[in-house]
């Protein structure tokens, strides 16, 4: 059994879904513009590999607590249609299609919370391994339920997902993983076929040193 894994932001998506989401919410008067400064600070910490992922996810989810989930669903649908779909490259679609045609088991594995990432994964008809946004009484609670698929924890979350799908962890020796980020080095190091897409500076340097294939997927 062959497994094909894809990171989401800056890999399948030409951009960062969390930043795009907040900009969309501010532009459409759902949230105040002041939150964009906080987002920029978190992104700087991410680039420096110093991000507290639980704190970051809490920041995003707590912004949505003031409305019932049912009111956010049409907002998310419009966001995906207008902001996300145009940012998915032809190369991304074609690569997913190629792996699917070969009968590979597909999954997106991302640190972007499930409220956003599940809707984007639906565009590819691919399951998503992501931090699960907790829902209580019809609202997002602002918390994550379960482990967070970030850095080393992506390996743990992948094994948990394979078990949940009744797939033998040991039967997937052939594993592809497409990613842009040096934060994903633990999983890139663990797979048989690491493939670097739109790499950050550190990952680009490491890919050259390790002779990993590098691809560039961008929308026009």
N, C-alpha and C. Protein backbone atom coordinates (compact mmCIF):
# COMPACT_ATOMS: atom_id res chain seq x y z
N UNK A 1 0.85 -1.20 0.00
CA UNK A 1 0.00 0.00 0.00
C UNK A 1 0.88 1.24 0.00
N UNK A 2 0.58 2.17 -0.88
CA UNK A 2 1.33 3.42 -0.98
C UNK A 2 0.50 4.57 -0.44
N UNK A 3 1.15 5.42 0.33
CA UNK A 3 0.50 6.56 0.95
C UNK A 3 1.03 7.84 0.33
N UNK A 4 0.14 8.74 -0.06
CA UNK A 4 0.53 10.05 -0.60
C UNK A 4 -0.04 11.13 0.32
N UNK A 5 0.85 11.86 0.97
CA UNK A 5 0.48 12.89 1.94
C UNK A 5 0.81 14.27 1.40
N UNK A 6 -0.04 15.23 1.73
CA UNK A 6 0.14 16.60 1.25
C UNK A 6 -0.03 17.58 2.39
N UNK A 7 0.93 18.47 2.55
CA UNK A 7 0.72 19.64 3.39
C UNK A 7 -0.29 20.54 2.68
N UNK A 8 -0.88 21.47 3.43
CA UNK A 8 -1.91 22.33 2.84
C UNK A 8 -1.36 23.71 2.44
N UNK A 9 -1.02 24.52 3.43
CA UNK A 9 -0.66 25.91 3.17
C UNK A 9 0.68 26.02 2.46
N UNK A 10 0.70 26.79 1.39
CA UNK A 10 1.87 27.01 0.54
C UNK A 10 2.32 25.74 -0.19
N UNK A 11 1.50 24.71 -0.15
CA UNK A 11 1.79 23.48 -0.88
C UNK A 11 0.62 23.22 -1.83
N UNK A 12 -0.43 22.57 -1.36
CA UNK A 12 -1.62 22.45 -2.20
C UNK A 12 -2.24 23.81 -2.47
N UNK A 13 -2.16 24.68 -1.47
CA UNK A 13 -2.72 26.03 -1.58
C UNK A 13 -1.59 27.03 -1.79
N UNK A 14 -1.72 27.87 -2.79
CA UNK A 14 -0.73 28.91 -3.05
C UNK A 14 -1.04 30.10 -2.13
N UNK A 15 -0.67 29.95 -0.88
CA UNK A 15 -0.96 30.96 0.13
C UNK A 15 -1.18 30.29 1.47
N UNK A 16 -1.50 31.08 2.48
CA UNK A 16 -1.75 30.58 3.83
C UNK A 16 -3.23 30.73 4.15
N UNK A 17 -3.90 29.64 4.40
CA UNK A 17 -5.35 29.68 4.59
C UNK A 17 -5.76 30.50 5.80
N UNK A 18 -4.98 30.43 6.88
CA UNK A 18 -5.33 31.18 8.08
C UNK A 18 -5.25 32.68 7.84
N UNK A 19 -4.18 33.12 7.19
CA UNK A 19 -4.05 34.55 6.90
C UNK A 19 -5.12 35.01 5.92
N UNK A 20 -5.37 34.22 4.90
CA UNK A 20 -6.41 34.56 3.93
C UNK A 20 -7.78 34.67 4.61
N UNK A 21 -8.05 33.76 5.53
CA UNK A 21 -9.32 33.72 6.25
C UNK A 21 -9.50 34.99 7.08
N UNK A 22 -8.48 35.36 7.84
CA UNK A 22 -8.61 36.56 8.67
C UNK A 22 -8.75 37.81 7.83
N UNK A 23 -8.00 37.91 6.76
CA UNK A 23 -8.14 39.07 5.87
C UNK A 23 -9.55 39.14 5.27
N UNK A 24 -10.08 37.98 4.91
CA UNK A 24 -11.44 37.92 4.37
C UNK A 24 -12.45 38.38 5.43
N UNK A 25 -12.30 37.91 6.66
CA UNK A 25 -13.24 38.27 7.72
C UNK A 25 -13.17 39.76 8.04
N UNK A 26 -11.97 40.33 8.04
CA UNK A 26 -11.83 41.76 8.28
C UNK A 26 -12.44 42.57 7.13
N UNK A 27 -12.13 42.14 5.92
CA UNK A 27 -12.62 42.87 4.73
C UNK A 27 -14.15 42.86 4.66
N UNK A 28 -14.76 41.81 5.19
CA UNK A 28 -16.22 41.70 5.15
C UNK A 28 -16.88 42.05 6.48
N UNK A 29 -16.13 42.75 7.33
CA UNK A 29 -16.65 43.33 8.58
C UNK A 29 -17.12 42.31 9.59
N UNK A 30 -16.57 41.11 9.53
CA UNK A 30 -16.89 40.11 10.55
C UNK A 30 -16.00 40.26 11.78
N UNK A 31 -14.80 40.84 11.60
CA UNK A 31 -13.85 41.01 12.68
C UNK A 31 -13.13 42.34 12.52
N UNK A 32 -12.58 42.91 13.62
CA UNK A 32 -11.87 44.19 13.52
C UNK A 32 -10.50 44.03 12.88
N UNK A 33 -10.02 45.08 12.26
CA UNK A 33 -8.74 45.04 11.55
C UNK A 33 -7.56 44.83 12.49
N UNK A 34 -7.74 45.12 13.77
CA UNK A 34 -6.64 44.99 14.73
C UNK A 34 -6.10 43.57 14.84
N UNK A 35 -6.90 42.58 14.49
CA UNK A 35 -6.44 41.19 14.62
C UNK A 35 -5.34 40.87 13.61
N UNK A 36 -5.23 41.66 12.54
CA UNK A 36 -4.22 41.36 11.52
C UNK A 36 -2.81 41.59 12.04
N UNK A 37 -2.64 42.52 12.97
CA UNK A 37 -1.33 42.71 13.59
C UNK A 37 -0.94 41.48 14.40
N UNK A 38 -1.89 40.91 15.12
CA UNK A 38 -1.62 39.70 15.89
C UNK A 38 -1.26 38.54 14.95
N UNK A 39 -1.98 38.44 13.85
CA UNK A 39 -1.70 37.39 12.88
C UNK A 39 -0.29 37.53 12.32
N UNK A 40 0.12 38.75 12.01
CA UNK A 40 1.46 38.98 11.48
C UNK A 40 2.53 38.57 12.48
N UNK A 41 2.28 38.83 13.75
CA UNK A 41 3.23 38.43 14.79
C UNK A 41 3.34 36.92 14.88
N UNK A 42 2.21 36.22 14.80
CA UNK A 42 2.23 34.76 14.82
C UNK A 42 2.98 34.21 13.60
N UNK A 43 2.77 34.81 12.45
CA UNK A 43 3.45 34.34 11.24
C UNK A 43 4.96 34.53 11.32
N UNK A 44 5.38 35.61 11.96
CA UNK A 44 6.82 35.82 12.16
C UNK A 44 7.40 34.73 13.05
N UNK A 45 6.65 34.36 14.08
CA UNK A 45 7.12 33.28 14.97
C UNK A 45 7.14 31.94 14.24
N UNK A 46 6.18 31.73 13.37
CA UNK A 46 6.15 30.49 12.58
C UNK A 46 7.39 30.41 11.67
N UNK A 47 7.69 31.50 11.00
CA UNK A 47 8.85 31.53 10.10
C UNK A 47 10.15 31.28 10.86
N UNK A 48 10.18 31.73 12.11
CA UNK A 48 11.37 31.53 12.94
C UNK A 48 11.37 30.18 13.66
N UNK A 49 10.35 29.37 13.38
CA UNK A 49 10.19 28.05 14.02
C UNK A 49 10.08 28.17 15.54
N UNK A 50 9.40 29.23 15.99
CA UNK A 50 9.20 29.46 17.42
C UNK A 50 7.72 29.57 17.78
N UNK A 51 6.85 29.08 16.90
CA UNK A 51 5.42 29.24 17.11
C UNK A 51 4.89 28.26 18.16
N UNK A 52 4.13 28.78 19.12
CA UNK A 52 3.36 27.95 20.04
C UNK A 52 2.06 27.62 19.32
N UNK A 53 1.98 26.43 18.76
CA UNK A 53 0.86 26.10 17.88
C UNK A 53 -0.47 26.07 18.62
N UNK A 54 -0.48 25.62 19.87
CA UNK A 54 -1.74 25.59 20.63
C UNK A 54 -2.26 27.00 20.86
N UNK A 55 -1.35 27.92 21.18
CA UNK A 55 -1.73 29.31 21.39
C UNK A 55 -2.27 29.91 20.09
N UNK A 56 -1.61 29.61 18.98
CA UNK A 56 -2.02 30.14 17.68
C UNK A 56 -3.41 29.64 17.29
N UNK A 57 -3.64 28.36 17.45
CA UNK A 57 -4.95 27.80 17.11
C UNK A 57 -6.03 28.38 18.02
N UNK A 58 -5.70 28.55 19.30
CA UNK A 58 -6.66 29.15 20.22
C UNK A 58 -7.03 30.56 19.80
N UNK A 59 -6.03 31.33 19.36
CA UNK A 59 -6.28 32.69 18.87
C UNK A 59 -7.29 32.66 17.73
N UNK A 60 -7.10 31.78 16.76
CA UNK A 60 -7.99 31.72 15.61
C UNK A 60 -9.40 31.27 15.99
N UNK A 61 -9.49 30.26 16.80
CA UNK A 61 -10.80 29.69 17.11
C UNK A 61 -11.60 30.58 18.06
N UNK A 62 -10.93 31.25 18.98
CA UNK A 62 -11.64 32.12 19.90
C UNK A 62 -12.30 33.30 19.17
N UNK A 63 -11.75 33.68 18.02
CA UNK A 63 -12.35 34.76 17.23
C UNK A 63 -13.73 34.39 16.69
N UNK A 64 -14.01 33.09 16.65
CA UNK A 64 -15.26 32.62 16.04
C UNK A 64 -16.31 32.22 17.07
N UNK A 65 -16.01 32.39 18.34
CA UNK A 65 -16.90 31.89 19.39
C UNK A 65 -18.18 32.70 19.54
N UNK A 66 -18.19 33.93 19.04
CA UNK A 66 -19.31 34.82 19.33
C UNK A 66 -20.53 34.56 18.46
N UNK A 67 -20.41 33.66 17.46
CA UNK A 67 -21.56 33.32 16.62
C UNK A 67 -21.77 31.81 16.61
N UNK A 68 -23.01 31.36 16.45
CA UNK A 68 -23.24 29.92 16.28
C UNK A 68 -22.53 29.39 15.03
N UNK A 69 -22.16 28.14 15.08
CA UNK A 69 -21.48 27.53 13.94
C UNK A 69 -22.31 27.65 12.66
N UNK A 70 -23.63 27.53 12.79
CA UNK A 70 -24.50 27.60 11.62
C UNK A 70 -24.36 28.93 10.88
N UNK A 71 -24.01 30.00 11.60
CA UNK A 71 -23.84 31.30 10.96
C UNK A 71 -22.48 31.41 10.26
N UNK A 72 -21.51 30.65 10.72
CA UNK A 72 -20.19 30.68 10.09
C UNK A 72 -20.11 29.82 8.83
N UNK A 73 -20.97 28.82 8.72
CA UNK A 73 -20.86 27.90 7.58
C UNK A 73 -21.03 28.59 6.23
N UNK A 74 -22.04 29.44 6.03
CA UNK A 74 -22.12 30.12 4.72
C UNK A 74 -20.98 31.10 4.51
N UNK A 75 -20.45 31.69 5.58
CA UNK A 75 -19.29 32.57 5.46
C UNK A 75 -18.09 31.78 4.97
N UNK A 76 -17.89 30.61 5.56
CA UNK A 76 -16.79 29.74 5.13
C UNK A 76 -16.97 29.30 3.69
N UNK A 77 -18.17 28.96 3.30
CA UNK A 77 -18.42 28.51 1.93
C UNK A 77 -18.06 29.61 0.92
N UNK A 78 -18.43 30.85 1.23
CA UNK A 78 -18.10 31.95 0.32
C UNK A 78 -16.59 32.18 0.31
N UNK A 79 -15.95 32.08 1.45
CA UNK A 79 -14.50 32.23 1.54
C UNK A 79 -13.79 31.20 0.67
N UNK A 80 -14.18 29.95 0.78
CA UNK A 80 -13.53 28.89 0.00
C UNK A 80 -13.74 29.14 -1.50
N UNK A 81 -14.94 29.53 -1.87
CA UNK A 81 -15.23 29.75 -3.29
C UNK A 81 -14.48 30.94 -3.87
N UNK A 82 -14.39 32.02 -3.10
CA UNK A 82 -13.82 33.25 -3.65
C UNK A 82 -12.34 33.42 -3.40
N UNK A 83 -11.83 32.88 -2.29
CA UNK A 83 -10.44 33.12 -1.90
C UNK A 83 -9.54 31.89 -2.05
N UNK A 84 -10.11 30.71 -1.84
CA UNK A 84 -9.28 29.50 -1.85
C UNK A 84 -9.21 28.85 -3.23
N UNK A 85 -10.34 28.62 -3.83
CA UNK A 85 -10.36 27.92 -5.12
C UNK A 85 -9.45 28.58 -6.15
N UNK A 86 -9.41 29.91 -6.28
CA UNK A 86 -8.51 30.51 -7.27
C UNK A 86 -7.02 30.35 -6.93
N UNK A 87 -6.71 29.92 -5.70
CA UNK A 87 -5.33 29.81 -5.27
C UNK A 87 -4.82 28.36 -5.27
N UNK A 88 -5.57 27.47 -5.86
CA UNK A 88 -5.10 26.09 -5.99
C UNK A 88 -4.57 25.91 -7.40
N UNK A 89 -3.31 25.55 -7.50
CA UNK A 89 -2.66 25.47 -8.80
C UNK A 89 -3.06 24.24 -9.57
N UNK A 90 -2.88 24.32 -10.87
CA UNK A 90 -3.13 23.16 -11.73
C UNK A 90 -2.22 22.00 -11.34
N UNK A 91 -0.98 22.31 -10.96
CA UNK A 91 -0.04 21.26 -10.56
C UNK A 91 -0.54 20.52 -9.32
N UNK A 92 -1.15 21.25 -8.40
CA UNK A 92 -1.68 20.61 -7.20
C UNK A 92 -2.78 19.61 -7.56
N UNK A 93 -3.74 20.08 -8.36
CA UNK A 93 -4.81 19.17 -8.77
C UNK A 93 -4.26 17.97 -9.53
N UNK A 94 -3.33 18.22 -10.44
CA UNK A 94 -2.80 17.14 -11.27
C UNK A 94 -2.03 16.11 -10.45
N UNK A 95 -1.30 16.56 -9.45
CA UNK A 95 -0.52 15.63 -8.63
C UNK A 95 -1.43 14.76 -7.78
N UNK A 96 -2.45 15.36 -7.18
CA UNK A 96 -3.43 14.56 -6.42
C UNK A 96 -4.10 13.55 -7.33
N UNK A 97 -4.48 13.99 -8.52
CA UNK A 97 -5.15 13.10 -9.48
C UNK A 97 -4.24 11.95 -9.88
N UNK A 98 -2.96 12.24 -10.08
CA UNK A 98 -2.00 11.20 -10.47
C UNK A 98 -1.87 10.14 -9.39
N UNK A 99 -1.75 10.55 -8.15
CA UNK A 99 -1.65 9.57 -7.05
C UNK A 99 -2.95 8.77 -6.91
N UNK A 100 -4.08 9.45 -7.07
CA UNK A 100 -5.35 8.74 -6.97
C UNK A 100 -5.48 7.69 -8.08
N UNK A 101 -5.05 8.04 -9.29
CA UNK A 101 -5.14 7.10 -10.41
C UNK A 101 -4.28 5.86 -10.20
N UNK A 102 -3.24 6.01 -9.38
CA UNK A 102 -2.36 4.87 -9.10
C UNK A 102 -2.83 4.06 -7.90
N UNK A 103 -3.98 4.42 -7.37
CA UNK A 103 -4.55 3.66 -6.27
C UNK A 103 -3.93 3.95 -4.92
N UNK A 104 -3.23 5.07 -4.79
CA UNK A 104 -2.59 5.39 -3.53
C UNK A 104 -3.60 5.90 -2.50
N UNK A 105 -3.31 5.66 -1.24
CA UNK A 105 -4.12 6.21 -0.15
C UNK A 105 -3.71 7.67 0.03
N UNK A 106 -4.68 8.57 -0.03
CA UNK A 106 -4.41 10.01 -0.01
C UNK A 106 -4.84 10.64 1.31
N UNK A 107 -4.08 11.63 1.75
CA UNK A 107 -4.49 12.43 2.91
C UNK A 107 -3.76 13.76 2.88
N UNK A 108 -4.47 14.79 3.32
CA UNK A 108 -3.86 16.09 3.60
C UNK A 108 -3.55 16.10 5.09
N UNK A 109 -2.34 16.52 5.45
CA UNK A 109 -1.97 16.59 6.87
C UNK A 109 -1.47 18.00 7.16
N UNK A 110 -2.14 18.67 8.06
CA UNK A 110 -1.94 20.11 8.24
C UNK A 110 -2.15 20.52 9.69
N UNK A 111 -1.53 21.63 10.06
CA UNK A 111 -1.76 22.21 11.38
C UNK A 111 -2.91 23.21 11.36
N UNK A 112 -3.48 23.47 10.21
CA UNK A 112 -4.64 24.36 10.12
C UNK A 112 -5.86 23.66 10.70
N UNK A 113 -6.57 24.33 11.58
CA UNK A 113 -7.68 23.69 12.29
C UNK A 113 -8.75 23.17 11.32
N UNK A 114 -9.48 22.19 11.82
CA UNK A 114 -10.39 21.43 10.96
C UNK A 114 -11.53 22.26 10.38
N UNK A 115 -11.95 23.33 11.06
CA UNK A 115 -13.05 24.12 10.51
C UNK A 115 -12.70 24.69 9.15
N UNK A 116 -11.45 25.11 8.98
CA UNK A 116 -11.00 25.60 7.68
C UNK A 116 -10.53 24.46 6.78
N UNK A 117 -9.65 23.63 7.29
CA UNK A 117 -8.96 22.66 6.43
C UNK A 117 -9.89 21.60 5.86
N UNK A 118 -10.93 21.23 6.59
CA UNK A 118 -11.84 20.20 6.06
C UNK A 118 -12.58 20.71 4.83
N UNK A 119 -12.92 21.99 4.83
CA UNK A 119 -13.63 22.57 3.68
C UNK A 119 -12.71 22.66 2.46
N UNK A 120 -11.42 22.90 2.70
CA UNK A 120 -10.47 22.96 1.59
C UNK A 120 -10.17 21.56 1.08
N UNK A 121 -10.05 20.60 1.99
CA UNK A 121 -9.82 19.22 1.58
C UNK A 121 -10.94 18.70 0.70
N UNK A 122 -12.17 19.19 0.94
CA UNK A 122 -13.31 18.75 0.14
C UNK A 122 -13.15 19.13 -1.33
N UNK A 123 -12.39 20.19 -1.62
CA UNK A 123 -12.16 20.58 -3.01
C UNK A 123 -11.38 19.50 -3.76
N UNK A 124 -10.56 18.75 -3.04
CA UNK A 124 -9.77 17.68 -3.63
C UNK A 124 -10.41 16.31 -3.43
N UNK A 125 -11.48 16.26 -2.64
CA UNK A 125 -12.09 14.98 -2.24
C UNK A 125 -11.04 14.09 -1.57
N UNK A 126 -10.29 14.70 -0.66
CA UNK A 126 -9.21 14.02 0.06
C UNK A 126 -9.44 14.21 1.56
N UNK A 127 -9.32 13.16 2.37
CA UNK A 127 -9.47 13.32 3.82
C UNK A 127 -8.37 14.19 4.40
N UNK A 128 -8.69 14.84 5.52
CA UNK A 128 -7.77 15.79 6.14
C UNK A 128 -7.45 15.36 7.56
N UNK A 129 -6.16 15.28 7.84
CA UNK A 129 -5.67 15.06 9.20
C UNK A 129 -5.31 16.43 9.75
N UNK A 130 -6.05 16.90 10.75
CA UNK A 130 -5.90 18.29 11.21
C UNK A 130 -6.29 18.38 12.67
N UNK A 131 -5.86 19.44 13.37
CA UNK A 131 -6.34 19.69 14.73
C UNK A 131 -7.86 19.87 14.71
N UNK A 132 -8.55 19.13 15.55
CA UNK A 132 -10.00 19.12 15.52
C UNK A 132 -10.59 20.25 16.37
N UNK A 133 -11.25 21.18 15.71
CA UNK A 133 -11.90 22.28 16.41
C UNK A 133 -13.09 21.74 17.21
N UNK A 134 -13.05 21.94 18.51
CA UNK A 134 -14.12 21.43 19.37
C UNK A 134 -15.39 22.25 19.19
N UNK A 135 -16.53 21.55 19.18
CA UNK A 135 -17.83 22.20 19.05
C UNK A 135 -18.66 21.86 20.30
N UNK A 136 -19.20 22.89 20.93
CA UNK A 136 -20.07 22.70 22.10
C UNK A 136 -21.32 23.54 21.92
N UNK A 137 -22.45 22.91 22.12
CA UNK A 137 -23.73 23.62 22.05
C UNK A 137 -23.87 24.42 20.76
N UNK A 138 -23.44 23.83 19.66
CA UNK A 138 -23.61 24.45 18.36
C UNK A 138 -22.66 25.58 18.05
N UNK A 139 -21.60 25.73 18.85
CA UNK A 139 -20.62 26.78 18.63
C UNK A 139 -19.21 26.20 18.69
N UNK A 140 -18.28 26.83 17.99
CA UNK A 140 -16.88 26.51 18.18
C UNK A 140 -16.48 26.98 19.57
N UNK A 141 -15.85 26.10 20.35
CA UNK A 141 -15.56 26.40 21.76
C UNK A 141 -14.29 27.22 21.93
N UNK A 142 -13.48 27.33 20.87
CA UNK A 142 -12.19 27.99 20.98
C UNK A 142 -11.07 27.05 21.35
N UNK A 143 -11.38 25.77 21.48
CA UNK A 143 -10.39 24.78 21.89
C UNK A 143 -10.20 23.71 20.81
N UNK A 144 -9.08 23.00 20.93
CA UNK A 144 -8.78 21.86 20.07
C UNK A 144 -9.06 20.57 20.85
N UNK A 145 -9.71 19.64 20.21
CA UNK A 145 -10.01 18.35 20.81
C UNK A 145 -9.03 17.31 20.27
N UNK A 146 -8.03 16.94 21.07
CA UNK A 146 -7.08 15.92 20.64
C UNK A 146 -5.73 16.50 20.26
N UNK A 147 -4.87 15.67 19.69
CA UNK A 147 -3.50 16.11 19.36
C UNK A 147 -3.48 17.09 18.19
N UNK A 148 -2.39 17.82 18.11
CA UNK A 148 -2.21 18.85 17.08
C UNK A 148 -1.17 18.37 16.08
N UNK A 149 -1.56 18.26 14.83
CA UNK A 149 -0.67 17.74 13.79
C UNK A 149 0.30 18.83 13.31
N UNK A 150 1.34 19.03 14.10
CA UNK A 150 2.34 20.06 13.82
C UNK A 150 3.72 19.52 14.19
N UNK A 151 4.70 19.76 13.32
CA UNK A 151 6.06 19.30 13.53
C UNK A 151 6.09 17.80 13.86
N UNK A 152 6.73 17.39 14.96
CA UNK A 152 6.85 15.97 15.28
C UNK A 152 5.50 15.29 15.46
N UNK A 153 4.50 16.07 15.91
CA UNK A 153 3.19 15.48 16.17
C UNK A 153 2.47 15.05 14.89
N UNK A 154 2.94 15.50 13.74
CA UNK A 154 2.33 15.01 12.50
C UNK A 154 2.53 13.49 12.37
N UNK A 155 3.64 12.99 12.83
CA UNK A 155 3.89 11.55 12.78
C UNK A 155 2.89 10.80 13.66
N UNK A 156 2.68 11.30 14.86
CA UNK A 156 1.73 10.67 15.78
C UNK A 156 0.32 10.72 15.21
N UNK A 157 -0.06 11.90 14.70
CA UNK A 157 -1.42 12.06 14.17
C UNK A 157 -1.63 11.20 12.93
N UNK A 158 -0.59 11.03 12.14
CA UNK A 158 -0.70 10.17 10.96
C UNK A 158 -0.96 8.72 11.38
N UNK A 159 -0.22 8.23 12.36
CA UNK A 159 -0.42 6.85 12.81
C UNK A 159 -1.82 6.67 13.41
N UNK A 160 -2.29 7.67 14.16
CA UNK A 160 -3.64 7.60 14.72
C UNK A 160 -4.69 7.56 13.61
N UNK A 161 -4.47 8.36 12.57
CA UNK A 161 -5.42 8.38 11.45
C UNK A 161 -5.42 7.04 10.71
N UNK A 162 -4.24 6.49 10.45
CA UNK A 162 -4.16 5.20 9.76
C UNK A 162 -4.90 4.13 10.55
N UNK A 163 -4.73 4.13 11.86
CA UNK A 163 -5.43 3.16 12.70
C UNK A 163 -6.93 3.37 12.65
N UNK A 164 -7.36 4.64 12.65
CA UNK A 164 -8.80 4.94 12.59
C UNK A 164 -9.43 4.49 11.28
N UNK A 165 -8.60 4.43 10.22
CA UNK A 165 -9.08 3.99 8.92
C UNK A 165 -8.89 2.48 8.73
N UNK A 166 -8.46 1.83 9.80
CA UNK A 166 -8.19 0.38 9.78
C UNK A 166 -7.14 0.04 8.72
N UNK A 167 -6.15 0.91 8.60
CA UNK A 167 -5.03 0.69 7.70
C UNK A 167 -3.81 0.30 8.53
N UNK A 168 -3.09 -0.69 8.08
CA UNK A 168 -1.93 -1.18 8.79
C UNK A 168 -0.78 -0.17 8.67
N UNK A 169 -0.37 0.38 9.80
CA UNK A 169 0.72 1.36 9.80
C UNK A 169 1.96 0.79 9.14
N UNK A 170 2.23 -0.48 9.38
CA UNK A 170 3.44 -1.12 8.87
C UNK A 170 3.33 -1.52 7.40
N UNK A 171 2.14 -1.39 6.82
CA UNK A 171 1.94 -1.80 5.42
C UNK A 171 2.10 -0.63 4.45
N UNK A 172 2.47 0.53 4.98
CA UNK A 172 2.62 1.71 4.11
C UNK A 172 4.08 2.15 4.09
N UNK A 173 4.96 1.24 3.71
CA UNK A 173 6.39 1.57 3.67
C UNK A 173 6.69 2.61 2.60
N UNK A 174 5.93 2.60 1.51
CA UNK A 174 6.11 3.60 0.45
C UNK A 174 5.22 4.79 0.77
N UNK A 175 5.86 5.89 1.12
CA UNK A 175 5.12 7.08 1.52
C UNK A 175 5.69 8.32 0.82
N UNK A 176 4.84 9.04 0.15
CA UNK A 176 5.19 10.33 -0.43
C UNK A 176 4.70 11.42 0.53
N UNK A 177 5.46 12.49 0.65
CA UNK A 177 4.99 13.64 1.41
C UNK A 177 5.46 14.91 0.71
N UNK A 178 4.49 15.76 0.38
CA UNK A 178 4.74 17.04 -0.29
C UNK A 178 4.59 18.17 0.74
N UNK A 179 5.64 18.99 0.87
CA UNK A 179 5.56 20.09 1.84
C UNK A 179 6.48 21.24 1.45
N UNK A 180 6.13 22.42 1.95
CA UNK A 180 6.91 23.64 1.70
C UNK A 180 7.78 24.03 2.88
N UNK A 181 7.54 23.46 4.06
CA UNK A 181 8.02 24.07 5.30
C UNK A 181 9.07 23.24 6.03
N UNK A 182 10.08 23.93 6.55
CA UNK A 182 11.07 23.26 7.39
C UNK A 182 10.45 22.77 8.69
N UNK A 183 9.29 23.30 9.07
CA UNK A 183 8.58 22.76 10.23
C UNK A 183 8.13 21.32 10.01
N UNK A 184 8.09 20.90 8.75
CA UNK A 184 7.66 19.54 8.43
C UNK A 184 8.82 18.56 8.28
N UNK A 185 10.02 18.97 8.68
CA UNK A 185 11.17 18.08 8.54
C UNK A 185 11.00 16.73 9.24
N UNK A 186 10.37 16.66 10.41
CA UNK A 186 10.20 15.33 11.03
C UNK A 186 9.48 14.34 10.12
N UNK A 187 8.42 14.78 9.45
CA UNK A 187 7.69 13.88 8.56
C UNK A 187 8.42 13.69 7.24
N UNK A 188 9.03 14.74 6.72
CA UNK A 188 9.80 14.61 5.49
C UNK A 188 10.94 13.60 5.67
N UNK A 189 11.58 13.63 6.84
CA UNK A 189 12.67 12.68 7.12
C UNK A 189 12.16 11.25 7.27
N UNK A 190 10.90 11.11 7.64
CA UNK A 190 10.38 9.78 7.96
C UNK A 190 9.81 9.03 6.75
N UNK A 191 9.53 9.73 5.64
CA UNK A 191 8.90 9.07 4.50
C UNK A 191 9.95 8.60 3.50
N UNK A 192 9.53 7.70 2.63
CA UNK A 192 10.45 7.18 1.62
C UNK A 192 10.65 8.15 0.46
N UNK A 193 9.64 9.01 0.20
CA UNK A 193 9.71 9.92 -0.93
C UNK A 193 9.36 11.35 -0.48
N UNK A 194 10.31 12.08 0.11
CA UNK A 194 10.05 13.48 0.44
C UNK A 194 10.12 14.34 -0.82
N UNK A 195 9.11 15.18 -1.01
CA UNK A 195 9.06 16.05 -2.17
C UNK A 195 8.79 17.47 -1.68
N UNK A 196 9.67 18.38 -2.03
CA UNK A 196 9.61 19.75 -1.54
C UNK A 196 8.88 20.61 -2.56
N UNK A 197 7.90 21.37 -2.08
CA UNK A 197 7.09 22.22 -2.96
C UNK A 197 7.13 23.65 -2.41
N UNK A 198 7.46 24.61 -3.27
CA UNK A 198 7.48 26.02 -2.86
C UNK A 198 8.22 26.21 -1.54
N UNK A 199 9.46 25.76 -1.43
CA UNK A 199 10.10 25.68 -0.11
C UNK A 199 10.46 27.03 0.51
N UNK A 200 10.40 27.06 1.85
CA UNK A 200 10.97 28.20 2.56
C UNK A 200 12.49 28.12 2.45
N UNK A 201 13.18 29.16 2.90
CA UNK A 201 14.63 29.25 2.66
C UNK A 201 15.39 28.09 3.28
N UNK A 202 15.05 27.73 4.51
CA UNK A 202 15.78 26.65 5.17
C UNK A 202 15.53 25.32 4.48
N UNK A 203 14.28 25.06 4.12
CA UNK A 203 13.96 23.79 3.47
C UNK A 203 14.59 23.71 2.09
N UNK A 204 14.65 24.82 1.38
CA UNK A 204 15.29 24.83 0.06
C UNK A 204 16.76 24.44 0.18
N UNK A 205 17.43 24.97 1.20
CA UNK A 205 18.85 24.65 1.40
C UNK A 205 19.02 23.17 1.75
N UNK A 206 18.18 22.67 2.64
CA UNK A 206 18.28 21.27 3.04
C UNK A 206 17.95 20.33 1.88
N UNK A 207 16.96 20.71 1.08
CA UNK A 207 16.59 19.87 -0.07
C UNK A 207 17.76 19.74 -1.03
N UNK A 208 18.48 20.84 -1.22
CA UNK A 208 19.65 20.79 -2.10
C UNK A 208 20.74 19.89 -1.51
N UNK A 209 20.96 20.00 -0.21
CA UNK A 209 21.97 19.18 0.45
C UNK A 209 21.63 17.69 0.38
N UNK A 210 20.34 17.38 0.50
CA UNK A 210 19.90 15.98 0.58
C UNK A 210 19.43 15.43 -0.77
N UNK A 211 19.50 16.27 -1.78
CA UNK A 211 19.10 15.87 -3.13
C UNK A 211 17.64 15.45 -3.18
N UNK A 212 16.80 16.18 -2.45
CA UNK A 212 15.36 15.95 -2.51
C UNK A 212 14.79 16.70 -3.72
N UNK A 213 13.82 16.11 -4.41
CA UNK A 213 13.21 16.82 -5.54
C UNK A 213 12.46 18.06 -5.07
N UNK A 214 12.55 19.12 -5.86
CA UNK A 214 11.89 20.39 -5.54
C UNK A 214 10.96 20.75 -6.69
N UNK A 215 9.72 21.08 -6.35
CA UNK A 215 8.74 21.49 -7.34
C UNK A 215 8.19 22.86 -6.97
N UNK A 216 7.67 23.55 -7.97
CA UNK A 216 7.09 24.88 -7.74
C UNK A 216 5.67 24.90 -8.29
N UNK A 217 4.72 25.01 -7.37
CA UNK A 217 3.31 25.04 -7.75
C UNK A 217 2.78 26.43 -7.41
N UNK A 218 2.46 27.20 -8.42
CA UNK A 218 1.92 28.54 -8.18
C UNK A 218 0.80 28.82 -9.16
N UNK A 219 -0.15 29.63 -8.71
CA UNK A 219 -1.22 30.09 -9.60
C UNK A 219 -0.73 31.32 -10.36
N UNK A 220 -1.26 31.50 -11.55
CA UNK A 220 -0.86 32.66 -12.37
C UNK A 220 -1.44 33.95 -11.77
